Amino acid sequence: MLIRYKRSFEKIAMGLLSFMPGEKDVKQLQQTMKSYEMDEDRQLFLWKDGEDIVGAIGVLKTDDQVQIEHISVNPSHRDQGIGKEMVLAVEEIFKTKTLIPNELTQGFFHKCHSESN
């Protein structure tokens, strides 16, 4: 189940985002988290599996598009379709906009869409 990020989930979200290339540095990761908290065009969602938060997906909204900036799943929960479910859930939330990947998420994004065809 996809839920909106809340500050009380900051440590969990930072842990998940730290699996992304470019987010290994703590200062960079803190800056990324701050941008999700302060910039209303950026939104971070978390994937809850039972009581556990096992995934994160962050987006940047523009007038007609939503770009996936980050997508990460806890390594012990990978290969279960959670990443694809997060992408599909974000598509449903922003169904009036075109969902696109950024450079870091494009490989996974295209893999998700090729599997669903």
PDB file of N, CA and C in Angstrom:
ATOM      1  N   MET A   1       0.842  -1.176   0.000  1.00  0.00           N
ATOM      2  CA  MET A   1       0.000   0.000   0.000  1.00  0.00           C
ATOM      3  C   MET A   1       0.889   1.241   0.000  1.00  0.00           C
ATOM      4  N   LEU A   2       0.619   2.171  -0.889  1.00  0.00           N
ATOM      5  CA  LEU A   2       1.385   3.399  -1.004  1.00  0.00           C
ATOM      6  C   LEU A   2       0.838   4.438  -0.030  1.00  0.00           C
ATOM      7  N   ILE A   3       1.726   5.044   0.757  1.00  0.00           N
ATOM      8  CA  ILE A   3       1.323   6.093   1.697  1.00  0.00           C
ATOM      9  C   ILE A   3       2.204   7.321   1.478  1.00  0.00           C
ATOM     10  N   ARG A   4       1.685   8.497   1.806  1.00  0.00           N
ATOM     11  CA  ARG A   4       2.466   9.730   1.712  1.00  0.00           C
ATOM     12  C   ARG A   4       3.511   9.754   2.810  1.00  0.00           C
ATOM     13  N   TYR A   5       4.671  10.277   2.489  1.00  0.00           N
ATOM     14  CA  TYR A   5       5.753  10.439   3.456  1.00  0.00           C
ATOM     15  C   TYR A   5       5.330  11.411   4.545  1.00  0.00           C
ATOM     16  N   LYS A   6       5.653  11.059   5.785  1.00  0.00           N
ATOM     17  CA  LYS A   6       5.500  11.954   6.933  1.00  0.00           C
ATOM     18  C   LYS A   6       6.858  12.039   7.618  1.00  0.00           C
ATOM     19  N   ARG A   7       7.108  13.143   8.272  1.00  0.00           N
ATOM     20  CA  ARG A   7       8.407  13.356   8.923  1.00  0.00           C
ATOM     21  C   ARG A   7       8.744  12.244   9.924  1.00  0.00           C
ATOM     22  N   SER A   8       7.729  11.643  10.527  1.00  0.00           N
ATOM     23  CA  SER A   8       7.981  10.569  11.494  1.00  0.00           C
ATOM     24  C   SER A   8       8.623   9.348  10.826  1.00  0.00           C
ATOM     25  N   PHE A   9       8.577   9.279   9.495  1.00  0.00           N
ATOM     26  CA  PHE A   9       9.187   8.174   8.751  1.00  0.00           C
ATOM     27  C   PHE A   9      10.552   8.555   8.168  1.00  0.00           C
ATOM     28  N   GLU A  10      11.118   9.672   8.621  1.00  0.00           N
ATOM     29  CA  GLU A  10      12.334  10.202   8.005  1.00  0.00           C
ATOM     30  C   GLU A  10      13.487   9.200   7.979  1.00  0.00           C
ATOM     31  N   LYS A  11      13.784   8.550   9.093  1.00  0.00           N
ATOM     32  CA  LYS A  11      14.919   7.625   9.145  1.00  0.00           C
ATOM     33  C   LYS A  11      14.713   6.433   8.206  1.00  0.00           C
ATOM     34  N   ILE A  12      13.506   5.909   8.171  1.00  0.00           N
ATOM     35  CA  ILE A  12      13.198   4.784   7.286  1.00  0.00           C
ATOM     36  C   ILE A  12      13.345   5.229   5.825  1.00  0.00           C
ATOM     37  N   ALA A  13      12.787   6.397   5.503  1.00  0.00           N
ATOM     38  CA  ALA A  13      12.858   6.908   4.133  1.00  0.00           C
ATOM     39  C   ALA A  13      14.309   7.160   3.727  1.00  0.00           C
ATOM     40  N   MET A  14      15.098   7.731   4.623  1.00  0.00           N
ATOM     41  CA  MET A  14      16.511   7.980   4.313  1.00  0.00           C
ATOM     42  C   MET A  14      17.247   6.656   4.068  1.00  0.00           C
ATOM     43  N   GLY A  15      16.942   5.661   4.877  1.00  0.00           N
ATOM     44  CA  GLY A  15      17.562   4.348   4.690  1.00  0.00           C
ATOM     45  C   GLY A  15      17.236   3.767   3.330  1.00  0.00           C
ATOM     46  N   LEU A  16      15.978   3.873   2.922  1.00  0.00           N
ATOM     47  CA  LEU A  16      15.573   3.346   1.614  1.00  0.00           C
ATOM     48  C   LEU A  16      16.199   4.138   0.474  1.00  0.00           C
ATOM     49  N   LEU A  17      16.201   5.464   0.581  1.00  0.00           N
ATOM     50  CA  LEU A  17      16.765   6.290  -0.485  1.00  0.00           C
ATOM     51  C   LEU A  17      18.280   6.133  -0.586  1.00  0.00           C
ATOM     52  N   SER A  18      18.918   5.718   0.495  1.00  0.00           N
ATOM     53  CA  SER A  18      20.377   5.556   0.472  1.00  0.00           C
ATOM     54  C   SER A  18      20.810   4.431  -0.473  1.00  0.00           C
ATOM     55  N   PHE A  19      19.887   3.581  -0.901  1.00  0.00           N
ATOM     56  CA  PHE A  19      20.209   2.536  -1.876  1.00  0.00           C
ATOM     57  C   PHE A  19      20.319   3.088  -3.296  1.00  0.00           C
ATOM     58  N   MET A  20      19.852   4.325  -3.498  1.00  0.00           N
ATOM     59  CA  MET A  20      19.902   4.949  -4.829  1.00  0.00           C
ATOM     60  C   MET A  20      21.303   5.473  -5.116  1.00  0.00           C
ATOM     61  N   PRO A  21      21.767   5.324  -6.359  1.00  0.00           N
ATOM     62  CA  PRO A  21      23.049   5.948  -6.731  1.00  0.00           C
ATOM     63  C   PRO A  21      22.948   7.463  -6.505  1.00  0.00           C
ATOM     64  N   GLY A  22      23.991   8.049  -5.976  1.00  0.00           N
ATOM     65  CA  GLY A  22      23.984   9.493  -5.741  1.00  0.00           C
ATOM     66  C   GLY A  22      23.433   9.889  -4.395  1.00  0.00           C
ATOM     67  N   GLU A  23      22.913   8.931  -3.642  1.00  0.00           N
ATOM     68  CA  GLU A  23      22.338   9.241  -2.325  1.00  0.00           C
ATOM     69  C   GLU A  23      23.111   8.549  -1.207  1.00  0.00           C
ATOM     70  N   LYS A  24      24.345   8.141  -1.495  1.00  0.00           N
ATOM     71  CA  LYS A  24      25.155   7.449  -0.479  1.00  0.00           C
ATOM     72  C   LYS A  24      25.702   8.428   0.559  1.00  0.00           C
ATOM     73  N   ASP A  25      25.986   9.660   0.139  1.00  0.00           N
ATOM     74  CA  ASP A  25      26.531  10.680   1.024  1.00  0.00           C
ATOM     75  C   ASP A  25      25.427  11.223   1.940  1.00  0.00           C
ATOM     76  N   VAL A  26      25.694  11.269   3.234  1.00  0.00           N
ATOM     77  CA  VAL A  26      24.678  11.676   4.207  1.00  0.00           C
ATOM     78  C   VAL A  26      24.193  13.100   3.954  1.00  0.00           C
ATOM     79  N   LYS A  27      25.111  14.003   3.638  1.00  0.00           N
ATOM     80  CA  LYS A  27      24.711  15.402   3.378  1.00  0.00           C
ATOM     81  C   LYS A  27      23.781  15.482   2.165  1.00  0.00           C
ATOM     82  N   GLN A  28      24.118  14.752   1.105  1.00  0.00           N
ATOM     83  CA  GLN A  28      23.276  14.733  -0.092  1.00  0.00           C
ATOM     84  C   GLN A  28      21.903  14.144   0.238  1.00  0.00           C
ATOM     85  N   LEU A  29      21.894  13.083   1.012  1.00  0.00           N
ATOM     86  CA  LEU A  29      20.647  12.434   1.397  1.00  0.00           C
ATOM     87  C   LEU A  29      19.774  13.376   2.235  1.00  0.00           C
ATOM     88  N   GLN A  30      20.385  14.094   3.152  1.00  0.00           N
ATOM     89  CA  GLN A  30      19.636  15.062   3.972  1.00  0.00           C
ATOM     90  C   GLN A  30      19.059  16.172   3.098  1.00  0.00           C
ATOM     91  N   GLN A  31      19.824  16.608   2.102  1.00  0.00           N
ATOM     92  CA  GLN A  31      19.349  17.635   1.182  1.00  0.00           C
ATOM     93  C   GLN A  31      18.164  17.117   0.360  1.00  0.00           C
ATOM     94  N   THR A  32      18.253  15.866  -0.078  1.00  0.00           N
ATOM     95  CA  THR A  32      17.156  15.254  -0.827  1.00  0.00           C
ATOM     96  C   THR A  32      15.894  15.192   0.027  1.00  0.00           C
ATOM     97  N   MET A  33      16.043  14.759   1.276  1.00  0.00           N
ATOM     98  CA  MET A  33      14.881  14.671   2.172  1.00  0.00           C
ATOM     99  C   MET A  33      14.266  16.050   2.389  1.00  0.00           C
ATOM    100  N   LYS A  34      15.112  17.051   2.576  1.00  0.00           N
ATOM    101  CA  LYS A  34      14.623  18.421   2.787  1.00  0.00           C
ATOM    102  C   LYS A  34      13.843  18.902   1.565  1.00  0.00           C
ATOM    103  N   SER A  35      14.342  18.559   0.370  1.00  0.00           N
ATOM    104  CA  SER A  35      13.636  18.995  -0.836  1.00  0.00           C
ATOM    105  C   SER A  35      12.256  18.342  -0.934  1.00  0.00           C
ATOM    106  N   TYR A  36      12.135  17.087  -0.500  1.00  0.00           N
ATOM    107  CA  TYR A  36      10.814  16.445  -0.508  1.00  0.00           C
ATOM    108  C   TYR A  36       9.885  17.073   0.524  1.00  0.00           C
ATOM    109  N   GLU A  37      10.447  17.555   1.618  1.00  0.00           N
ATOM    110  CA  GLU A  37       9.628  18.170   2.661  1.00  0.00           C
ATOM    111  C   GLU A  37       9.230  19.602   2.320  1.00  0.00           C
ATOM    112  N   MET A  38      10.111  20.344   1.629  1.00  0.00           N
ATOM    113  CA  MET A  38       9.890  21.777   1.421  1.00  0.00           C
ATOM    114  C   MET A  38       9.268  22.135   0.064  1.00  0.00           C
ATOM    115  N   ASP A  39       9.585  21.380  -0.968  1.00  0.00           N
ATOM    116  CA  ASP A  39       9.146  21.706  -2.328  1.00  0.00           C
ATOM    117  C   ASP A  39       7.813  21.017  -2.613  1.00  0.00           C
ATOM    118  N   GLU A  40       6.783  21.808  -2.803  1.00  0.00           N
ATOM    119  CA  GLU A  40       5.450  21.216  -3.005  1.00  0.00           C
ATOM    120  C   GLU A  40       5.317  20.476  -4.330  1.00  0.00           C
ATOM    121  N   ASP A  41       6.255  20.685  -5.260  1.00  0.00           N
ATOM    122  CA  ASP A  41       6.228  19.950  -6.524  1.00  0.00           C
ATOM    123  C   ASP A  41       6.886  18.580  -6.421  1.00  0.00           C
ATOM    124  N   ARG A  42       7.543  18.321  -5.304  1.00  0.00           N
ATOM    125  CA  ARG A  42       8.186  17.017  -5.085  1.00  0.00           C
ATOM    126  C   ARG A  42       7.413  16.277  -4.002  1.00  0.00           C
ATOM    127  N   GLN A  43       7.157  15.015  -4.249  1.00  0.00           N
ATOM    128  CA  GLN A  43       6.437  14.191  -3.272  1.00  0.00           C
ATOM    129  C   GLN A  43       7.138  12.855  -3.118  1.00  0.00           C
ATOM    130  N   LEU A  44       7.175  12.409  -1.870  1.00  0.00           N
ATOM    131  CA  LEU A  44       7.762  11.124  -1.555  1.00  0.00           C
ATOM    132  C   LEU A  44       6.669  10.222  -1.010  1.00  0.00           C
ATOM    133  N   PHE A  45       6.614   9.014  -1.528  1.00  0.00           N
ATOM    134  CA  PHE A  45       5.657   8.021  -1.077  1.00  0.00           C
ATOM    135  C   PHE A  45       6.425   6.817  -0.553  1.00  0.00           C
ATOM    136  N   LEU A  46       5.823   6.139   0.400  1.00  0.00           N
ATOM    137  CA  LEU A  46       6.426   4.942   0.975  1.00  0.00           C
ATOM    138  C   LEU A  46       5.501   3.766   0.731  1.00  0.00           C
ATOM    139  N   TRP A  47       6.080   2.578   0.570  1.00  0.00           N
ATOM    140  CA  TRP A  47       5.302   1.364   0.362  1.00  0.00           C
ATOM    141  C   TRP A  47       5.271   0.580   1.663  1.00  0.00           C
ATOM    142  N   LYS A  48       4.062   0.364   2.154  1.00  0.00           N
ATOM    143  CA  LYS A  48       3.875  -0.356   3.407  1.00  0.00           C
ATOM    144  C   LYS A  48       3.406  -1.768   3.102  1.00  0.00           C
ATOM    145  N   ASP A  49       4.133  -2.741   3.641  1.00  0.00           N
ATOM    146  CA  ASP A  49       3.794  -4.149   3.491  1.00  0.00           C
ATOM    147  C   ASP A  49       3.506  -4.670   4.887  1.00  0.00           C
ATOM    148  N   GLY A  50       2.222  -4.800   5.229  1.00  0.00           N
ATOM    149  CA  GLY A  50       1.856  -5.137   6.606  1.00  0.00           C
ATOM    150  C   GLY A  50       2.212  -3.973   7.500  1.00  0.00           C
ATOM    151  N   GLU A  51       3.045  -4.216   8.496  1.00  0.00           N
ATOM    152  CA  GLU A  51       3.477  -3.153   9.398  1.00  0.00           C
ATOM    153  C   GLU A  51       4.792  -2.518   8.965  1.00  0.00           C
ATOM    154  N   ASP A  52       5.457  -3.106   7.981  1.00  0.00           N
ATOM    155  CA  ASP A  52       6.787  -2.652   7.577  1.00  0.00           C
ATOM    156  C   ASP A  52       6.744  -1.726   6.371  1.00  0.00           C
ATOM    157  N   ILE A  53       7.603  -0.717   6.387  1.00  0.00           N
ATOM    158  CA  ILE A  53       7.797   0.135   5.223  1.00  0.00           C
ATOM    159  C   ILE A  53       8.995  -0.432   4.478  1.00  0.00           C
ATOM    160  N   VAL A  54       8.757  -0.879   3.251  1.00  0.00           N
ATOM    161  CA  VAL A  54       9.792  -1.616   2.516  1.00  0.00           C
ATOM    162  C   VAL A  54      10.212  -0.948   1.209  1.00  0.00           C
ATOM    163  N   GLY A  55       9.573   0.161   0.845  1.00  0.00           N
ATOM    164  CA  GLY A  55       9.914   0.816  -0.408  1.00  0.00           C
ATOM    165  C   GLY A  55       9.653   2.302  -0.354  1.00  0.00           C
ATOM    166  N   ALA A  56      10.290   3.021  -1.273  1.00  0.00           N
ATOM    167  CA  ALA A  56      10.095   4.466  -1.401  1.00  0.00           C
ATOM    168  C   ALA A  56      10.123   4.833  -2.874  1.00  0.00           C
ATOM    169  N   ILE A  57       9.270   5.796  -3.228  1.00  0.00           N
ATOM    170  CA  ILE A  57       9.259   6.317  -4.588  1.00  0.00           C
ATOM    171  C   ILE A  57       9.024   7.819  -4.486  1.00  0.00           C
ATOM    172  N   GLY A  58       9.905   8.567  -5.121  1.00  0.00           N
ATOM    173  CA  GLY A  58       9.814  10.026  -5.073  1.00  0.00           C
ATOM    174  C   GLY A  58       9.597  10.582  -6.462  1.00  0.00           C
ATOM    175  N   VAL A  59       8.739  11.604  -6.546  1.00  0.00           N
ATOM    176  CA  VAL A  59       8.389  12.176  -7.841  1.00  0.00           C
ATOM    177  C   VAL A  59       8.521  13.697  -7.837  1.00  0.00           C
ATOM    178  N   LEU A  60       8.700  14.230  -9.041  1.00  0.00           N
ATOM    179  CA  LEU A  60       8.714  15.666  -9.277  1.00  0.00           C
ATOM    180  C   LEU A  60       7.576  15.963 -10.244  1.00  0.00           C
ATOM    181  N   LYS A  61       6.635  16.804  -9.801  1.00  0.00           N
ATOM    182  CA  LYS A  61       5.470  17.133 -10.625  1.00  0.00           C
ATOM    183  C   LYS A  61       5.726  18.405 -11.427  1.00  0.00           C
ATOM    184  N   THR A  62       5.312  18.375 -12.698  1.00  0.00           N
ATOM    185  CA  THR A  62       5.278  19.576 -13.525  1.00  0.00           C
ATOM    186  C   THR A  62       3.840  19.720 -14.014  1.00  0.00           C
ATOM    187  N   ASP A  63       3.595  20.669 -14.901  1.00  0.00           N
ATOM    188  CA  ASP A  63       2.220  20.912 -15.348  1.00  0.00           C
ATOM    189  C   ASP A  63       1.539  19.675 -15.909  1.00  0.00           C
ATOM    190  N   ASP A  64       2.244  18.941 -16.774  1.00  0.00           N
ATOM    191  CA  ASP A  64       1.593  17.805 -17.431  1.00  0.00           C
ATOM    192  C   ASP A  64       2.318  16.480 -17.243  1.00  0.00           C
ATOM    193  N   GLN A  65       3.394  16.493 -16.442  1.00  0.00           N
ATOM    194  CA  GLN A  65       4.162  15.263 -16.241  1.00  0.00           C
ATOM    195  C   GLN A  65       4.494  15.048 -14.768  1.00  0.00           C
ATOM    196  N   VAL A  66       4.762  13.796 -14.453  1.00  0.00           N
ATOM    197  CA  VAL A  66       5.281  13.421 -13.146  1.00  0.00           C
ATOM    198  C   VAL A  66       6.517  12.575 -13.417  1.00  0.00           C
ATOM    199  N   GLN A  67       7.662  13.063 -12.930  1.00  0.00           N
ATOM    200  CA  GLN A  67       8.921  12.359 -13.171  1.00  0.00           C
ATOM    201  C   GLN A  67       9.317  11.565 -11.935  1.00  0.00           C
ATOM    202  N   ILE A  68       9.616  10.293 -12.131  1.00  0.00           N
ATOM    203  CA  ILE A  68      10.089   9.466 -11.025  1.00  0.00           C
ATOM    204  C   ILE A  68      11.557   9.805 -10.786  1.00  0.00           C
ATOM    205  N   GLU A  69      11.834  10.362  -9.613  1.00  0.00           N
ATOM    206  CA  GLU A  69      13.190  10.784  -9.251  1.00  0.00           C
ATOM    207  C   GLU A  69      13.935   9.679  -8.504  1.00  0.00           C
ATOM    208  N   HIS A  70      13.233   8.975  -7.652  1.00  0.00           N
ATOM    209  CA  HIS A  70      13.826   7.918  -6.823  1.00  0.00           C
ATOM    210  C   HIS A  70      12.865   6.737  -6.775  1.00  0.00           C
ATOM    211  N   ILE A  71      13.422   5.549  -6.742  1.00  0.00           N
ATOM    212  CA  ILE A  71      12.627   4.355  -6.472  1.00  0.00           C
ATOM    213  C   ILE A  71      13.562   3.339  -5.826  1.00  0.00           C
ATOM    214  N   SER A  72      13.141   2.838  -4.684  1.00  0.00           N
ATOM    215  CA  SER A  72      14.008   1.937  -3.933  1.00  0.00           C
ATOM    216  C   SER A  72      13.170   0.970  -3.118  1.00  0.00           C
ATOM    217  N   VAL A  73      13.646  -0.269  -3.065  1.00  0.00           N
ATOM    218  CA  VAL A  73      12.992  -1.310  -2.270  1.00  0.00           C
ATOM    219  C   VAL A  73      14.047  -1.923  -1.350  1.00  0.00           C
ATOM    220  N   ASN A  74      13.667  -2.174  -0.117  1.00  0.00           N
ATOM    221  CA  ASN A  74      14.553  -2.835   0.838  1.00  0.00           C
ATOM    222  C   ASN A  74      15.087  -4.110   0.188  1.00  0.00           C
ATOM    223  N   PRO A  75      16.419  -4.339   0.233  1.00  0.00           N
ATOM    224  CA  PRO A  75      16.991  -5.516  -0.441  1.00  0.00           C
ATOM    225  C   PRO A  75      16.342  -6.844  -0.048  1.00  0.00           C
ATOM    226  N   SER A  76      15.888  -6.980   1.186  1.00  0.00           N
ATOM    227  CA  SER A  76      15.273  -8.250   1.592  1.00  0.00           C
ATOM    228  C   SER A  76      13.852  -8.419   1.049  1.00  0.00           C
ATOM    229  N   HIS A  77      13.313  -7.401   0.389  1.00  0.00           N
ATOM    230  CA  HIS A  77      11.973  -7.476  -0.199  1.00  0.00           C
ATOM    231  C   HIS A  77      11.994  -7.317  -1.720  1.00  0.00           C
ATOM    232  N   ARG A  78      13.167  -7.387  -2.307  1.00  0.00           N
ATOM    233  CA  ARG A  78      13.269  -7.226  -3.764  1.00  0.00           C
ATOM    234  C   ARG A  78      12.816  -8.484  -4.486  1.00  0.00           C
ATOM    235  N   ASP A  79      12.573  -8.328  -5.768  1.00  0.00           N
ATOM    236  CA  ASP A  79      12.135  -9.419  -6.652  1.00  0.00           C
ATOM    237  C   ASP A  79      10.771  -9.982  -6.255  1.00  0.00           C
ATOM    238  N   GLN A  80       9.943  -9.124  -5.654  1.00  0.00           N
ATOM    239  CA  GLN A  80       8.581  -9.517  -5.286  1.00  0.00           C
ATOM    240  C   GLN A  80       7.544  -8.648  -5.999  1.00  0.00           C
ATOM    241  N   GLY A  81       8.003  -7.768  -6.903  1.00  0.00           N
ATOM    242  CA  GLY A  81       7.083  -6.914  -7.654  1.00  0.00           C
ATOM    243  C   GLY A  81       6.701  -5.626  -6.945  1.00  0.00           C
ATOM    244  N   ILE A  82       7.356  -5.318  -5.826  1.00  0.00           N
ATOM    245  CA  ILE A  82       6.994  -4.116  -5.053  1.00  0.00           C
ATOM    246  C   ILE A  82       7.317  -2.850  -5.842  1.00  0.00           C
ATOM    247  N   GLY A  83       8.473  -2.793  -6.476  1.00  0.00           N
ATOM    248  CA  GLY A  83       8.833  -1.617  -7.266  1.00  0.00           C
ATOM    249  C   GLY A  83       7.823  -1.344  -8.359  1.00  0.00           C
ATOM    250  N   LYS A  84       7.433  -2.397  -9.065  1.00  0.00           N
ATOM    251  CA  LYS A  84       6.441  -2.249 -10.130  1.00  0.00           C
ATOM    252  C   LYS A  84       5.098  -1.797  -9.559  1.00  0.00           C
ATOM    253  N   GLU A  85       4.711  -2.358  -8.404  1.00  0.00           N
ATOM    254  CA  GLU A  85       3.459  -1.938  -7.766  1.00  0.00           C
ATOM    255  C   GLU A  85       3.503  -0.463  -7.386  1.00  0.00           C
ATOM    256  N   MET A  86       4.664   0.014  -6.928  1.00  0.00           N
ATOM    257  CA  MET A  86       4.794   1.434  -6.580  1.00  0.00           C
ATOM    258  C   MET A  86       4.624   2.307  -7.820  1.00  0.00           C
ATOM    259  N   VAL A  87       5.250   1.911  -8.932  1.00  0.00           N
ATOM    260  CA  VAL A  87       5.121   2.676 -10.173  1.00  0.00           C
ATOM    261  C   VAL A  87       3.655   2.715 -10.609  1.00  0.00           C
ATOM    262  N   LEU A  88       2.979   1.576 -10.574  1.00  0.00           N
ATOM    263  CA  LEU A  88       1.563   1.524 -10.973  1.00  0.00           C
ATOM    264  C   LEU A  88       0.685   2.363 -10.037  1.00  0.00           C
ATOM    265  N   ALA A  89       0.994   2.358  -8.740  1.00  0.00           N
ATOM    266  CA  ALA A  89       0.218   3.148  -7.777  1.00  0.00           C
ATOM    267  C   ALA A  89       0.408   4.644  -8.028  1.00  0.00           C
ATOM    268  N   VAL A  90       1.633   5.052  -8.355  1.00  0.00           N
ATOM    269  CA  VAL A  90       1.888   6.465  -8.662  1.00  0.00           C
ATOM    270  C   VAL A  90       1.173   6.850  -9.961  1.00  0.00           C
ATOM    271  N   GLU A  91       1.170   5.963 -10.942  1.00  0.00           N
ATOM    272  CA  GLU A  91       0.428   6.226 -12.189  1.00  0.00           C
ATOM    273  C   GLU A  91      -1.049   6.450 -11.890  1.00  0.00           C
ATOM    274  N   GLU A  92      -1.593   5.666 -10.965  1.00  0.00           N
ATOM    275  CA  GLU A  92      -3.010   5.798 -10.600  1.00  0.00           C
ATOM    276  C   GLU A  92      -3.275   7.124  -9.885  1.00  0.00           C
ATOM    277  N   ILE A  93      -2.383   7.527  -8.997  1.00  0.00           N
ATOM    278  CA  ILE A  93      -2.546   8.790  -8.261  1.00  0.00           C
ATOM    279  C   ILE A  93      -2.528   9.976  -9.224  1.00  0.00           C
ATOM    280  N   PHE A  94      -1.627   9.938 -10.186  1.00  0.00           N
ATOM    281  CA  PHE A  94      -1.447  11.062 -11.119  1.00  0.00           C
ATOM    282  C   PHE A  94      -1.949  10.692 -12.510  1.00  0.00           C
ATOM    283  N   LYS A  95      -3.101  10.069 -12.602  1.00  0.00           N
ATOM    284  CA  LYS A  95      -3.567   9.519 -13.879  1.00  0.00           C
ATOM    285  C   LYS A  95      -3.816  10.571 -14.963  1.00  0.00           C
ATOM    286  N   THR A  96      -3.950  11.850 -14.599  1.00  0.00           N
ATOM    287  CA  THR A  96      -4.151  12.883 -15.622  1.00  0.00           C
ATOM    288  C   THR A  96      -2.828  13.403 -16.164  1.00  0.00           C
ATOM    289  N   LYS A  97      -1.705  12.929 -15.630  1.00  0.00           N
ATOM    290  CA  LYS A  97      -0.383  13.379 -16.070  1.00  0.00           C
ATOM    291  C   LYS A  97       0.394  12.205 -16.666  1.00  0.00           C
ATOM    292  N   THR A  98       1.378  12.510 -17.473  1.00  0.00           N
ATOM    293  CA  THR A  98       2.242  11.493 -18.056  1.00  0.00           C
ATOM    294  C   THR A  98       3.349  11.169 -17.069  1.00  0.00           C
ATOM    295  N   LEU A  99       3.522   9.903 -16.770  1.00  0.00           N
ATOM    296  CA  LEU A  99       4.576   9.458 -15.859  1.00  0.00           C
ATOM    297  C   LEU A  99       5.831   9.165 -16.673  1.00  0.00           C
ATOM    298  N   ILE A 100       6.951   9.785 -16.272  1.00  0.00           N
ATOM    299  CA  ILE A 100       8.217   9.585 -16.975  1.00  0.00           C
ATOM    300  C   ILE A 100       9.323   9.300 -15.952  1.00  0.00           C
ATOM    301  N   PRO A 101      10.368   8.612 -16.377  1.00  0.00           N
ATOM    302  CA  PRO A 101      11.498   8.374 -15.476  1.00  0.00           C
ATOM    303  C   PRO A 101      12.550   9.476 -15.631  1.00  0.00           C
ATOM    304  N   ASN A 102      13.458   9.558 -14.666  1.00  0.00           N
ATOM    305  CA  ASN A 102      14.650  10.376 -14.866  1.00  0.00           C
ATOM    306  C   ASN A 102      15.779   9.434 -15.299  1.00  0.00           C
ATOM    307  N   GLU A 103      16.970   9.959 -15.405  1.00  0.00           N
ATOM    308  CA  GLU A 103      18.093   9.152 -15.880  1.00  0.00           C
ATOM    309  C   GLU A 103      18.359   7.944 -14.980  1.00  0.00           C
ATOM    310  N   LEU A 104      18.228   8.136 -13.672  1.00  0.00           N
ATOM    311  CA  LEU A 104      18.516   7.054 -12.723  1.00  0.00           C
ATOM    312  C   LEU A 104      17.427   5.989 -12.666  1.00  0.00           C
ATOM    313  N   THR A 105      16.194   6.368 -12.964  1.00  0.00           N
ATOM    314  CA  THR A 105      15.082   5.422 -12.820  1.00  0.00           C
ATOM    315  C   THR A 105      14.594   4.850 -14.153  1.00  0.00           C
ATOM    316  N   GLN A 106      15.170   5.306 -15.268  1.00  0.00           N
ATOM    317  CA  GLN A 106      14.627   4.900 -16.570  1.00  0.00           C
ATOM    318  C   GLN A 106      14.746   3.405 -16.844  1.00  0.00           C
ATOM    319  N   GLY A 107      15.841   2.781 -16.446  1.00  0.00           N
ATOM    320  CA  GLY A 107      15.992   1.342 -16.693  1.00  0.00           C
ATOM    321  C   GLY A 107      14.902   0.546 -16.006  1.00  0.00           C
ATOM    322  N   PHE A 108      14.678   0.838 -14.736  1.00  0.00           N
ATOM    323  CA  PHE A 108      13.653   0.129 -13.990  1.00  0.00           C
ATOM    324  C   PHE A 108      12.261   0.459 -14.522  1.00  0.00           C
ATOM    325  N   PHE A 109      12.019   1.730 -14.816  1.00  0.00           N
ATOM    326  CA  PHE A 109      10.724   2.175 -15.332  1.00  0.00           C
ATOM    327  C   PHE A 109      10.365   1.436 -16.624  1.00  0.00           C
ATOM    328  N   HIS A 110      11.315   1.368 -17.546  1.00  0.00           N
ATOM    329  CA  HIS A 110      11.043   0.696 -18.823  1.00  0.00           C
ATOM    330  C   HIS A 110      10.868  -0.808 -18.634  1.00  0.00           C
ATOM    331  N   LYS A 111      11.593  -1.384 -17.683  1.00  0.00           N
ATOM    332  CA  LYS A 111      11.423  -2.805 -17.371  1.00  0.00           C
ATOM    333  C   LYS A 111       9.991  -3.068 -16.869  1.00  0.00           C
ATOM    334  N   CYS A 112       9.494  -2.190 -16.001  1.00  0.00           N
ATOM    335  CA  CYS A 112       8.125  -2.328 -15.491  1.00  0.00           C
ATOM    336  C   CYS A 112       7.105  -2.291 -16.617  1.00  0.00           C
ATOM    337  N   HIS A 113       7.300  -1.364 -17.539  1.00  0.00           N
ATOM    338  CA  HIS A 113       6.325  -1.211 -18.616  1.00  0.00           C
ATOM    339  C   HIS A 113       6.440  -2.279 -19.688  1.00  0.00           C
ATOM    340  N   SER A 114       7.622  -2.827 -19.881  1.00  0.00           N
ATOM    341  CA  SER A 114       7.740  -3.902 -20.871  1.00  0.00           C
ATOM    342  C   SER A 114       7.135  -5.203 -20.341  1.00  0.00           C
ATOM    343  N   GLU A 115       7.174  -5.391 -19.011  1.00  0.00           N
ATOM    344  CA  GLU A 115       6.577  -6.593 -18.411  1.00  0.00           C
ATOM    345  C   GLU A 115       5.061  -6.562 -18.428  1.00  0.00           C
ATOM    346  N   SER A 116       4.485  -5.336 -18.406  1.00  0.00           N
ATOM    347  CA  SER A 116       3.026  -5.252 -18.334  1.00  0.00           C
ATOM    348  C   SER A 116       2.375  -5.285 -19.703  1.00  0.00           C
ATOM    349  N   ASN A 117       3.169  -5.300 -20.765  1.00  0.00           N
ATOM    350  CA  ASN A 117       2.599  -5.353 -22.122  1.00  0.00           C
ATOM    351  C   ASN A 117       2.519  -6.763 -22.631  1.00  0.00           C
TER     352      ASN A 117
END
